[in-house]
Amino acid sequence: NTFTDREWGDGKEDPALFNPSELDAEQWVKTLKDAGFKLVILTAKHHDGFCLWPTQTTDHSVASSPWKDGKGDVVRELRDACDKYGMKLGIYLSPWDRNSPKYGDSEAYNDQFVAQLTELLTNYGKIDEVWFDGACGEGPNGKKQVYDWPRFRKVMEELQPEAVLAITGDDVRWVGNEG
């Protein structure tokens, strides 16, 4: 969304727009560490469905961008920077996906979401926090997606048992609302 100057994308953005030629995850992490933070949380996928890692689940990702000739991985760069500076890493993965044609076909989309969650929780070392929200819209079929929160929680507990589940779990609750 930085490249479209919009707060939220609609999932129709061309991945070729993503080309952060001066991305410096080490600068982000060093700045946060110097400011006293202990944990970095990355929005690995927002509601537009664009994945900041080269996922196997969709073409709507960094792998389809010109950034690093399609071989870039923001999550990996951030993981490495966190390791270098002794910072913890958290991942926000939006359950809403405005790009996925499976969204609204609850079982099929839940399978896709679990695959994305599995990639993030197995390919990047220790993840200290997994952050979800309850964002939910209609899919291209006009049906509202029904998330399988117990299944998502089970995957997280199996793959990253020490991680904190924020917002939709019992570990951390949101003390406000969208207002």
N, C-alpha and C. Protein backbone atom coordinates (compact mmCIF):
# COMPACT_ATOMS: atom_id res chain seq x y z
N ASN A 1 0.82 -1.20 0.00
CA ASN A 1 0.00 0.00 0.00
C ASN A 1 0.86 1.26 0.00
N THR A 2 2.09 1.14 0.41
CA THR A 2 3.02 2.27 0.32
C THR A 2 3.14 2.73 -1.13
N PHE A 3 3.13 1.77 -2.04
CA PHE A 3 3.34 2.08 -3.45
C PHE A 3 2.07 2.54 -4.16
N THR A 4 0.92 2.39 -3.51
CA THR A 4 -0.34 2.85 -4.10
C THR A 4 -0.89 4.06 -3.35
N ASP A 5 -0.21 4.46 -2.28
CA ASP A 5 -0.62 5.59 -1.45
C ASP A 5 -2.03 5.41 -0.91
N ARG A 6 -2.32 4.19 -0.47
CA ARG A 6 -3.63 3.88 0.11
C ARG A 6 -3.42 3.19 1.45
N GLU A 7 -4.37 3.39 2.34
CA GLU A 7 -4.27 2.71 3.64
C GLU A 7 -4.51 1.21 3.47
N TRP A 8 -5.54 0.86 2.72
CA TRP A 8 -5.88 -0.54 2.48
C TRP A 8 -5.95 -0.78 0.99
N GLY A 9 -5.40 -1.88 0.56
CA GLY A 9 -5.53 -2.29 -0.82
C GLY A 9 -6.80 -3.09 -1.02
N ASP A 10 -7.16 -3.30 -2.27
CA ASP A 10 -8.37 -4.08 -2.55
C ASP A 10 -8.04 -5.46 -3.12
N GLY A 11 -6.76 -5.80 -3.19
CA GLY A 11 -6.36 -7.11 -3.67
C GLY A 11 -6.15 -7.17 -5.17
N LYS A 12 -6.40 -6.06 -5.86
CA LYS A 12 -6.23 -6.03 -7.31
C LYS A 12 -4.93 -5.36 -7.73
N GLU A 13 -4.11 -4.98 -6.76
CA GLU A 13 -2.86 -4.31 -7.05
C GLU A 13 -1.91 -5.25 -7.80
N ASP A 14 -1.19 -4.69 -8.74
CA ASP A 14 -0.20 -5.45 -9.49
C ASP A 14 1.03 -5.65 -8.61
N PRO A 15 1.47 -6.90 -8.38
CA PRO A 15 2.66 -7.13 -7.58
C PRO A 15 3.90 -6.41 -8.12
N ALA A 16 3.88 -6.05 -9.39
CA ALA A 16 5.03 -5.34 -9.97
C ALA A 16 5.22 -3.96 -9.35
N LEU A 17 4.20 -3.44 -8.66
CA LEU A 17 4.34 -2.15 -7.98
C LEU A 17 5.27 -2.25 -6.78
N PHE A 18 5.41 -3.44 -6.22
CA PHE A 18 6.22 -3.62 -5.03
C PHE A 18 7.70 -3.69 -5.42
N ASN A 19 8.44 -2.64 -5.09
CA ASN A 19 9.85 -2.62 -5.41
C ASN A 19 10.58 -1.67 -4.46
N PRO A 20 10.72 -2.08 -3.19
CA PRO A 20 11.37 -1.22 -2.19
C PRO A 20 12.89 -1.25 -2.34
N SER A 21 13.39 -0.49 -3.28
CA SER A 21 14.81 -0.56 -3.65
C SER A 21 15.76 -0.24 -2.50
N GLU A 22 15.27 0.45 -1.48
CA GLU A 22 16.15 0.79 -0.36
C GLU A 22 15.69 0.17 0.96
N LEU A 23 14.97 -0.93 0.89
CA LEU A 23 14.52 -1.61 2.10
C LEU A 23 15.72 -1.99 2.96
N ASP A 24 15.67 -1.65 4.23
CA ASP A 24 16.77 -1.93 5.15
C ASP A 24 16.19 -2.40 6.48
N ALA A 25 15.93 -3.68 6.57
CA ALA A 25 15.33 -4.23 7.79
C ALA A 25 16.25 -4.04 9.00
N GLU A 26 17.54 -4.06 8.78
CA GLU A 26 18.47 -3.82 9.89
C GLU A 26 18.28 -2.42 10.47
N GLN A 27 18.03 -1.43 9.62
CA GLN A 27 17.80 -0.07 10.10
C GLN A 27 16.55 -0.01 10.95
N TRP A 28 15.49 -0.72 10.52
CA TRP A 28 14.24 -0.75 11.30
C TRP A 28 14.52 -1.30 12.69
N VAL A 29 15.16 -2.48 12.71
CA VAL A 29 15.35 -3.19 13.97
C VAL A 29 16.31 -2.45 14.89
N LYS A 30 17.39 -1.92 14.34
CA LYS A 30 18.33 -1.17 15.17
C LYS A 30 17.65 0.05 15.79
N THR A 31 16.83 0.74 15.01
CA THR A 31 16.12 1.91 15.52
C THR A 31 15.19 1.52 16.66
N LEU A 32 14.46 0.43 16.48
CA LEU A 32 13.55 -0.04 17.53
C LEU A 32 14.31 -0.47 18.77
N LYS A 33 15.40 -1.20 18.58
CA LYS A 33 16.21 -1.63 19.73
C LYS A 33 16.77 -0.42 20.47
N ASP A 34 17.30 0.54 19.73
CA ASP A 34 17.85 1.74 20.36
C ASP A 34 16.79 2.51 21.14
N ALA A 35 15.53 2.39 20.71
CA ALA A 35 14.43 3.08 21.39
C ALA A 35 13.89 2.28 22.58
N GLY A 36 14.43 1.08 22.80
CA GLY A 36 14.02 0.29 23.95
C GLY A 36 13.02 -0.82 23.69
N PHE A 37 12.64 -0.99 22.45
CA PHE A 37 11.71 -2.08 22.13
C PHE A 37 12.40 -3.42 22.22
N LYS A 38 11.62 -4.46 22.46
CA LYS A 38 12.15 -5.81 22.55
C LYS A 38 11.56 -6.75 21.50
N LEU A 39 10.49 -6.30 20.84
CA LEU A 39 9.76 -7.14 19.88
C LEU A 39 9.37 -6.31 18.67
N VAL A 40 9.53 -6.88 17.49
CA VAL A 40 9.11 -6.27 16.23
C VAL A 40 7.96 -7.11 15.69
N ILE A 41 6.87 -6.47 15.29
CA ILE A 41 5.76 -7.20 14.66
C ILE A 41 5.63 -6.70 13.23
N LEU A 42 5.70 -7.62 12.29
CA LEU A 42 5.58 -7.31 10.87
C LEU A 42 4.21 -7.71 10.35
N THR A 43 3.59 -6.84 9.59
CA THR A 43 2.38 -7.21 8.86
C THR A 43 2.84 -7.99 7.64
N ALA A 44 2.85 -9.30 7.74
CA ALA A 44 3.32 -10.16 6.65
C ALA A 44 2.31 -10.22 5.51
N LYS A 45 1.03 -10.05 5.85
CA LYS A 45 -0.04 -9.97 4.86
C LYS A 45 -1.17 -9.15 5.47
N HIS A 46 -1.60 -8.11 4.74
CA HIS A 46 -2.75 -7.33 5.19
C HIS A 46 -3.96 -7.76 4.38
N HIS A 47 -5.05 -7.01 4.49
CA HIS A 47 -6.32 -7.41 3.90
C HIS A 47 -6.29 -7.51 2.37
N ASP A 48 -5.33 -6.86 1.74
CA ASP A 48 -5.23 -6.94 0.28
C ASP A 48 -4.69 -8.29 -0.19
N GLY A 49 -4.17 -9.09 0.74
CA GLY A 49 -3.69 -10.43 0.41
C GLY A 49 -2.26 -10.50 -0.10
N PHE A 50 -1.57 -9.35 -0.23
CA PHE A 50 -0.20 -9.37 -0.74
C PHE A 50 0.74 -9.89 0.34
N CYS A 51 1.48 -10.93 0.02
CA CYS A 51 2.36 -11.59 0.99
C CYS A 51 3.79 -11.08 0.85
N LEU A 52 4.37 -10.69 1.96
CA LEU A 52 5.74 -10.17 1.98
C LEU A 52 6.79 -11.27 2.05
N TRP A 53 6.39 -12.48 1.80
CA TRP A 53 7.31 -13.62 1.71
C TRP A 53 6.91 -14.40 0.46
N PRO A 54 7.82 -15.19 -0.09
CA PRO A 54 7.51 -15.94 -1.31
C PRO A 54 6.69 -17.20 -0.99
N THR A 55 5.42 -17.00 -0.78
CA THR A 55 4.52 -18.09 -0.41
C THR A 55 4.23 -19.02 -1.59
N GLN A 56 3.90 -20.24 -1.26
CA GLN A 56 3.48 -21.21 -2.27
C GLN A 56 1.97 -21.15 -2.51
N THR A 57 1.26 -20.30 -1.76
CA THR A 57 -0.20 -20.32 -1.77
C THR A 57 -0.84 -19.36 -2.76
N THR A 58 -0.08 -18.40 -3.29
CA THR A 58 -0.65 -17.39 -4.19
C THR A 58 0.47 -16.74 -4.99
N ASP A 59 0.12 -16.18 -6.13
CA ASP A 59 1.08 -15.39 -6.90
C ASP A 59 1.11 -13.95 -6.43
N HIS A 60 0.20 -13.58 -5.53
CA HIS A 60 0.11 -12.21 -5.03
C HIS A 60 1.11 -12.03 -3.89
N SER A 61 2.40 -12.02 -4.27
CA SER A 61 3.46 -11.96 -3.27
C SER A 61 4.71 -11.33 -3.85
N VAL A 62 5.71 -11.19 -3.00
CA VAL A 62 6.99 -10.63 -3.41
C VAL A 62 7.62 -11.42 -4.54
N ALA A 63 7.31 -12.70 -4.65
CA ALA A 63 7.88 -13.54 -5.71
C ALA A 63 7.44 -13.08 -7.09
N SER A 64 6.34 -12.35 -7.17
CA SER A 64 5.85 -11.84 -8.46
C SER A 64 6.22 -10.38 -8.68
N SER A 65 7.09 -9.87 -7.85
CA SER A 65 7.49 -8.47 -7.95
C SER A 65 8.89 -8.38 -8.57
N PRO A 66 9.25 -7.18 -9.02
CA PRO A 66 10.61 -6.99 -9.55
C PRO A 66 11.67 -6.87 -8.45
N TRP A 67 11.23 -6.69 -7.20
CA TRP A 67 12.16 -6.52 -6.10
C TRP A 67 13.07 -7.74 -6.01
N LYS A 68 14.35 -7.52 -6.12
CA LYS A 68 15.35 -8.59 -6.06
C LYS A 68 15.05 -9.69 -7.07
N ASP A 69 14.52 -9.29 -8.22
CA ASP A 69 14.18 -10.21 -9.30
C ASP A 69 13.24 -11.33 -8.83
N GLY A 70 12.31 -10.97 -7.94
CA GLY A 70 11.34 -11.95 -7.45
C GLY A 70 11.88 -12.91 -6.42
N LYS A 71 13.10 -12.66 -5.95
CA LYS A 71 13.72 -13.56 -4.96
C LYS A 71 13.80 -12.93 -3.58
N GLY A 72 13.17 -11.77 -3.41
CA GLY A 72 13.19 -11.10 -2.12
C GLY A 72 12.25 -11.74 -1.11
N ASP A 73 12.51 -11.48 0.15
CA ASP A 73 11.70 -12.03 1.24
C ASP A 73 11.81 -11.06 2.43
N VAL A 74 10.82 -10.22 2.60
CA VAL A 74 10.85 -9.23 3.68
C VAL A 74 10.88 -9.93 5.04
N VAL A 75 10.12 -11.01 5.18
CA VAL A 75 10.09 -11.73 6.46
C VAL A 75 11.48 -12.27 6.80
N ARG A 76 12.16 -12.84 5.82
CA ARG A 76 13.51 -13.37 6.04
C ARG A 76 14.48 -12.25 6.43
N GLU A 77 14.41 -11.12 5.72
CA GLU A 77 15.31 -10.03 6.03
C GLU A 77 15.07 -9.50 7.45
N LEU A 78 13.80 -9.44 7.83
CA LEU A 78 13.49 -8.98 9.18
C LEU A 78 13.93 -10.01 10.22
N ARG A 79 13.70 -11.28 9.95
CA ARG A 79 14.15 -12.34 10.87
C ARG A 79 15.65 -12.23 11.10
N ASP A 80 16.41 -12.09 10.01
CA ASP A 80 17.86 -12.00 10.12
C ASP A 80 18.29 -10.76 10.91
N ALA A 81 17.62 -9.65 10.68
CA ALA A 81 17.93 -8.42 11.41
C ALA A 81 17.61 -8.58 12.90
N CYS A 82 16.48 -9.22 13.20
CA CYS A 82 16.12 -9.46 14.60
C CYS A 82 17.16 -10.33 15.28
N ASP A 83 17.63 -11.35 14.58
CA ASP A 83 18.67 -12.22 15.14
C ASP A 83 19.95 -11.42 15.40
N LYS A 84 20.32 -10.58 14.47
CA LYS A 84 21.55 -9.78 14.61
C LYS A 84 21.49 -8.86 15.82
N TYR A 85 20.32 -8.27 16.07
CA TYR A 85 20.20 -7.28 17.15
C TYR A 85 19.53 -7.84 18.41
N GLY A 86 19.31 -9.14 18.46
CA GLY A 86 18.74 -9.74 19.66
C GLY A 86 17.31 -9.33 19.94
N MET A 87 16.53 -9.13 18.90
CA MET A 87 15.12 -8.72 19.04
C MET A 87 14.21 -9.91 18.77
N LYS A 88 13.06 -9.90 19.41
CA LYS A 88 12.03 -10.91 19.16
C LYS A 88 11.24 -10.52 17.92
N LEU A 89 10.64 -11.54 17.27
CA LEU A 89 9.87 -11.31 16.05
C LEU A 89 8.44 -11.79 16.22
N GLY A 90 7.52 -10.93 15.85
CA GLY A 90 6.11 -11.28 15.80
C GLY A 90 5.60 -11.10 14.38
N ILE A 91 4.54 -11.83 14.07
CA ILE A 91 3.96 -11.80 12.72
C ILE A 91 2.48 -11.48 12.83
N TYR A 92 2.03 -10.49 12.05
CA TYR A 92 0.60 -10.24 11.86
C TYR A 92 0.24 -10.83 10.50
N LEU A 93 -0.78 -11.67 10.49
CA LEU A 93 -1.27 -12.29 9.27
C LEU A 93 -2.77 -12.04 9.21
N SER A 94 -3.18 -11.16 8.31
CA SER A 94 -4.61 -10.85 8.21
C SER A 94 -5.39 -12.07 7.77
N PRO A 95 -6.47 -12.37 8.47
CA PRO A 95 -7.31 -13.47 8.01
C PRO A 95 -8.12 -13.09 6.77
N TRP A 96 -8.44 -11.82 6.62
CA TRP A 96 -9.19 -11.35 5.46
C TRP A 96 -8.22 -11.28 4.28
N ASP A 97 -8.64 -11.74 3.13
CA ASP A 97 -7.78 -11.74 1.95
C ASP A 97 -8.62 -11.35 0.74
N ARG A 98 -8.52 -10.09 0.36
CA ARG A 98 -9.34 -9.56 -0.73
C ARG A 98 -8.84 -10.00 -2.10
N ASN A 99 -7.72 -10.69 -2.16
CA ASN A 99 -7.19 -11.16 -3.43
C ASN A 99 -7.56 -12.61 -3.71
N SER A 100 -7.70 -13.41 -2.67
CA SER A 100 -7.89 -14.85 -2.86
C SER A 100 -9.26 -15.19 -3.43
N PRO A 101 -9.29 -15.91 -4.54
CA PRO A 101 -10.58 -16.36 -5.08
C PRO A 101 -11.26 -17.39 -4.16
N LYS A 102 -10.51 -17.95 -3.22
CA LYS A 102 -11.06 -18.94 -2.29
C LYS A 102 -11.79 -18.28 -1.12
N TYR A 103 -11.53 -16.99 -0.90
CA TYR A 103 -12.13 -16.31 0.23
C TYR A 103 -13.65 -16.31 0.10
N GLY A 104 -14.34 -16.74 1.14
CA GLY A 104 -15.80 -16.87 1.10
C GLY A 104 -16.22 -18.33 0.91
N ASP A 105 -15.30 -19.17 0.42
CA ASP A 105 -15.48 -20.61 0.38
C ASP A 105 -14.73 -21.11 1.62
N SER A 106 -15.42 -21.10 2.75
CA SER A 106 -14.77 -21.20 4.05
C SER A 106 -13.75 -22.32 4.16
N GLU A 107 -14.10 -23.53 3.78
CA GLU A 107 -13.16 -24.64 3.94
C GLU A 107 -11.92 -24.45 3.07
N ALA A 108 -12.10 -24.10 1.82
CA ALA A 108 -10.96 -23.92 0.91
C ALA A 108 -10.06 -22.78 1.37
N TYR A 109 -10.67 -21.67 1.77
CA TYR A 109 -9.84 -20.55 2.21
C TYR A 109 -9.15 -20.86 3.53
N ASN A 110 -9.83 -21.52 4.46
CA ASN A 110 -9.18 -21.88 5.72
C ASN A 110 -7.96 -22.76 5.46
N ASP A 111 -8.05 -23.65 4.47
CA ASP A 111 -6.88 -24.46 4.10
C ASP A 111 -5.74 -23.57 3.61
N GLN A 112 -6.07 -22.58 2.77
CA GLN A 112 -5.04 -21.67 2.27
C GLN A 112 -4.43 -20.88 3.42
N PHE A 113 -5.25 -20.39 4.31
CA PHE A 113 -4.75 -19.60 5.43
C PHE A 113 -3.85 -20.45 6.33
N VAL A 114 -4.22 -21.69 6.59
CA VAL A 114 -3.39 -22.58 7.40
C VAL A 114 -2.06 -22.83 6.70
N ALA A 115 -2.08 -22.95 5.38
CA ALA A 115 -0.83 -23.14 4.64
C ALA A 115 0.07 -21.91 4.79
N GLN A 116 -0.51 -20.71 4.72
CA GLN A 116 0.28 -19.49 4.92
C GLN A 116 0.83 -19.42 6.35
N LEU A 117 -0.02 -19.69 7.30
CA LEU A 117 0.39 -19.68 8.70
C LEU A 117 1.52 -20.69 8.92
N THR A 118 1.39 -21.86 8.33
CA THR A 118 2.40 -22.90 8.47
C THR A 118 3.73 -22.46 7.88
N GLU A 119 3.69 -21.83 6.71
CA GLU A 119 4.94 -21.32 6.11
C GLU A 119 5.62 -20.34 7.06
N LEU A 120 4.85 -19.41 7.58
CA LEU A 120 5.43 -18.37 8.45
C LEU A 120 5.95 -18.94 9.76
N LEU A 121 5.29 -19.96 10.27
CA LEU A 121 5.68 -20.51 11.58
C LEU A 121 6.70 -21.62 11.49
N THR A 122 7.07 -22.03 10.28
CA THR A 122 8.09 -23.09 10.15
C THR A 122 9.35 -22.64 9.42
N ASN A 123 9.28 -21.57 8.64
CA ASN A 123 10.42 -21.19 7.81
C ASN A 123 11.27 -20.05 8.37
N TYR A 124 10.90 -19.50 9.52
CA TYR A 124 11.58 -18.30 9.99
C TYR A 124 12.04 -18.38 11.44
N GLY A 125 12.32 -19.57 11.91
CA GLY A 125 12.80 -19.71 13.27
C GLY A 125 11.72 -19.40 14.29
N LYS A 126 12.17 -18.99 15.47
CA LYS A 126 11.24 -18.74 16.56
C LYS A 126 10.41 -17.49 16.29
N ILE A 127 9.11 -17.64 16.36
CA ILE A 127 8.17 -16.52 16.26
C ILE A 127 7.61 -16.33 17.66
N ASP A 128 7.73 -15.12 18.18
CA ASP A 128 7.35 -14.86 19.56
C ASP A 128 5.90 -14.43 19.74
N GLU A 129 5.30 -13.90 18.68
CA GLU A 129 3.90 -13.49 18.75
C GLU A 129 3.26 -13.66 17.39
N VAL A 130 2.04 -14.16 17.41
CA VAL A 130 1.24 -14.25 16.18
C VAL A 130 0.02 -13.38 16.42
N TRP A 131 -0.17 -12.42 15.56
CA TRP A 131 -1.18 -11.38 15.75
C TRP A 131 -2.22 -11.52 14.67
N PHE A 132 -3.45 -11.75 15.08
CA PHE A 132 -4.59 -11.80 14.16
C PHE A 132 -5.56 -10.71 14.57
N ASP A 133 -6.46 -10.40 13.69
CA ASP A 133 -7.64 -9.64 14.07
C ASP A 133 -8.84 -10.37 13.46
N GLY A 134 -9.99 -9.86 13.67
CA GLY A 134 -11.19 -10.54 13.19
C GLY A 134 -11.72 -9.98 11.89
N ALA A 135 -10.89 -9.23 11.14
CA ALA A 135 -11.36 -8.63 9.89
C ALA A 135 -11.99 -9.68 8.99
N CYS A 136 -13.18 -9.39 8.53
CA CYS A 136 -13.91 -10.39 7.74
C CYS A 136 -14.85 -9.67 6.78
N GLY A 137 -14.73 -9.98 5.53
CA GLY A 137 -15.61 -9.41 4.52
C GLY A 137 -16.23 -10.53 3.70
N GLU A 138 -16.87 -10.13 2.65
CA GLU A 138 -17.46 -11.11 1.73
C GLU A 138 -16.42 -11.52 0.70
N GLY A 139 -16.51 -12.76 0.30
CA GLY A 139 -15.64 -13.24 -0.76
C GLY A 139 -16.21 -12.89 -2.12
N PRO A 140 -15.49 -13.24 -3.19
CA PRO A 140 -15.98 -12.95 -4.54
C PRO A 140 -17.30 -13.66 -4.86
N ASN A 141 -17.61 -14.68 -4.07
CA ASN A 141 -18.88 -15.39 -4.25
C ASN A 141 -20.02 -14.74 -3.47
N GLY A 142 -19.73 -13.61 -2.79
CA GLY A 142 -20.75 -12.91 -2.01
C GLY A 142 -21.00 -13.49 -0.64
N LYS A 143 -20.27 -14.54 -0.29
CA LYS A 143 -20.46 -15.19 1.01
C LYS A 143 -19.43 -14.69 2.00
N LYS A 144 -19.86 -14.57 3.25
CA LYS A 144 -18.96 -14.18 4.32
C LYS A 144 -18.11 -15.39 4.70
N GLN A 145 -16.83 -15.16 4.84
CA GLN A 145 -15.90 -16.21 5.25
C GLN A 145 -16.14 -16.56 6.70
N VAL A 146 -16.13 -17.85 7.01
CA VAL A 146 -16.20 -18.33 8.39
C VAL A 146 -14.83 -18.89 8.73
N TYR A 147 -14.14 -18.21 9.63
CA TYR A 147 -12.78 -18.62 10.00
C TYR A 147 -12.82 -19.80 10.97
N ASP A 148 -11.85 -20.67 10.85
CA ASP A 148 -11.73 -21.82 11.74
C ASP A 148 -10.69 -21.49 12.82
N TRP A 149 -11.10 -20.60 13.75
CA TRP A 149 -10.17 -20.16 14.79
C TRP A 149 -9.59 -21.30 15.61
N PRO A 150 -10.36 -22.32 16.00
CA PRO A 150 -9.74 -23.42 16.76
C PRO A 150 -8.63 -24.12 15.97
N ARG A 151 -8.83 -24.29 14.68
CA ARG A 151 -7.79 -24.91 13.84
C ARG A 151 -6.57 -24.02 13.75
N PHE A 152 -6.77 -22.71 13.57
CA PHE A 152 -5.63 -21.80 13.49
C PHE A 152 -4.84 -21.84 14.79
N ARG A 153 -5.55 -21.84 15.91
CA ARG A 153 -4.90 -21.89 17.23
C ARG A 153 -4.10 -23.19 17.39
N LYS A 154 -4.68 -24.29 16.94
CA LYS A 154 -4.01 -25.59 17.04
C LYS A 154 -2.70 -25.58 16.24
N VAL A 155 -2.73 -25.05 15.03
CA VAL A 155 -1.53 -24.97 14.20
C VAL A 155 -0.46 -24.14 14.91
N MET A 156 -0.86 -23.00 15.45
CA MET A 156 0.10 -22.15 16.14
C MET A 156 0.69 -22.86 17.35
N GLU A 157 -0.16 -23.51 18.13
CA GLU A 157 0.33 -24.19 19.34
C GLU A 157 1.26 -25.34 18.99
N GLU A 158 1.00 -26.01 17.87
CA GLU A 158 1.87 -27.11 17.45
C GLU A 158 3.21 -26.61 16.91
N LEU A 159 3.18 -25.54 16.12
CA LEU A 159 4.39 -25.09 15.44
C LEU A 159 5.21 -24.08 16.24
N GLN A 160 4.55 -23.25 17.04
CA GLN A 160 5.24 -22.24 17.85
C GLN A 160 4.59 -22.20 19.24
N PRO A 161 4.78 -23.26 20.03
CA PRO A 161 4.06 -23.38 21.30
C PRO A 161 4.34 -22.27 22.31
N GLU A 162 5.45 -21.58 22.18
CA GLU A 162 5.77 -20.51 23.13
C GLU A 162 5.29 -19.15 22.66
N ALA A 163 4.76 -19.06 21.44
CA ALA A 163 4.33 -17.77 20.91
C ALA A 163 3.07 -17.29 21.61
N VAL A 164 2.97 -15.99 21.71
CA VAL A 164 1.77 -15.34 22.24
C VAL A 164 0.80 -15.16 21.08
N LEU A 165 -0.46 -15.53 21.30
CA LEU A 165 -1.49 -15.31 20.28
C LEU A 165 -2.25 -14.06 20.68
N ALA A 166 -2.12 -13.04 19.87
CA ALA A 166 -2.73 -11.76 20.19
C ALA A 166 -4.04 -11.55 19.44
N ILE A 167 -4.96 -10.97 20.10
CA ILE A 167 -6.24 -10.46 19.66
C ILE A 167 -7.33 -11.53 19.62
N THR A 168 -7.16 -12.60 18.88
CA THR A 168 -8.25 -13.58 18.79
C THR A 168 -8.08 -14.74 19.76
N GLY A 169 -7.03 -14.72 20.54
CA GLY A 169 -6.80 -15.82 21.47
C GLY A 169 -6.94 -15.40 22.91
N ASP A 170 -6.56 -16.28 23.78
CA ASP A 170 -6.68 -16.03 25.21
C ASP A 170 -5.49 -15.27 25.78
N ASP A 171 -4.40 -15.18 25.03
CA ASP A 171 -3.17 -14.60 25.57
C ASP A 171 -3.24 -13.08 25.70
N VAL A 172 -3.66 -12.40 24.65
CA VAL A 172 -3.72 -10.94 24.63
C VAL A 172 -5.06 -10.54 24.03
N ARG A 173 -5.76 -9.63 24.70
CA ARG A 173 -7.04 -9.17 24.20
C ARG A 173 -6.92 -7.71 23.81
N TRP A 174 -7.65 -7.34 22.81
CA TRP A 174 -7.71 -5.94 22.38
C TRP A 174 -8.64 -5.21 23.34
N VAL A 175 -8.17 -4.13 23.93
CA VAL A 175 -8.94 -3.45 24.95
C VAL A 175 -9.77 -2.29 24.40
N GLY A 176 -10.00 -2.30 23.12
CA GLY A 176 -10.78 -1.23 22.51
C GLY A 176 -11.63 -1.79 21.40
N ASN A 177 -11.88 -0.95 20.44
CA ASN A 177 -12.60 -1.38 19.26
C ASN A 177 -12.12 -0.56 18.08
N GLU A 178 -12.64 -0.81 16.91
CA GLU A 178 -12.17 -0.09 15.73
C GLU A 178 -12.45 1.41 15.82
N GLY A 179 -13.42 1.82 16.68
CA GLY A 179 -13.75 3.24 16.85
C GLY A 179 -12.68 3.97 17.61
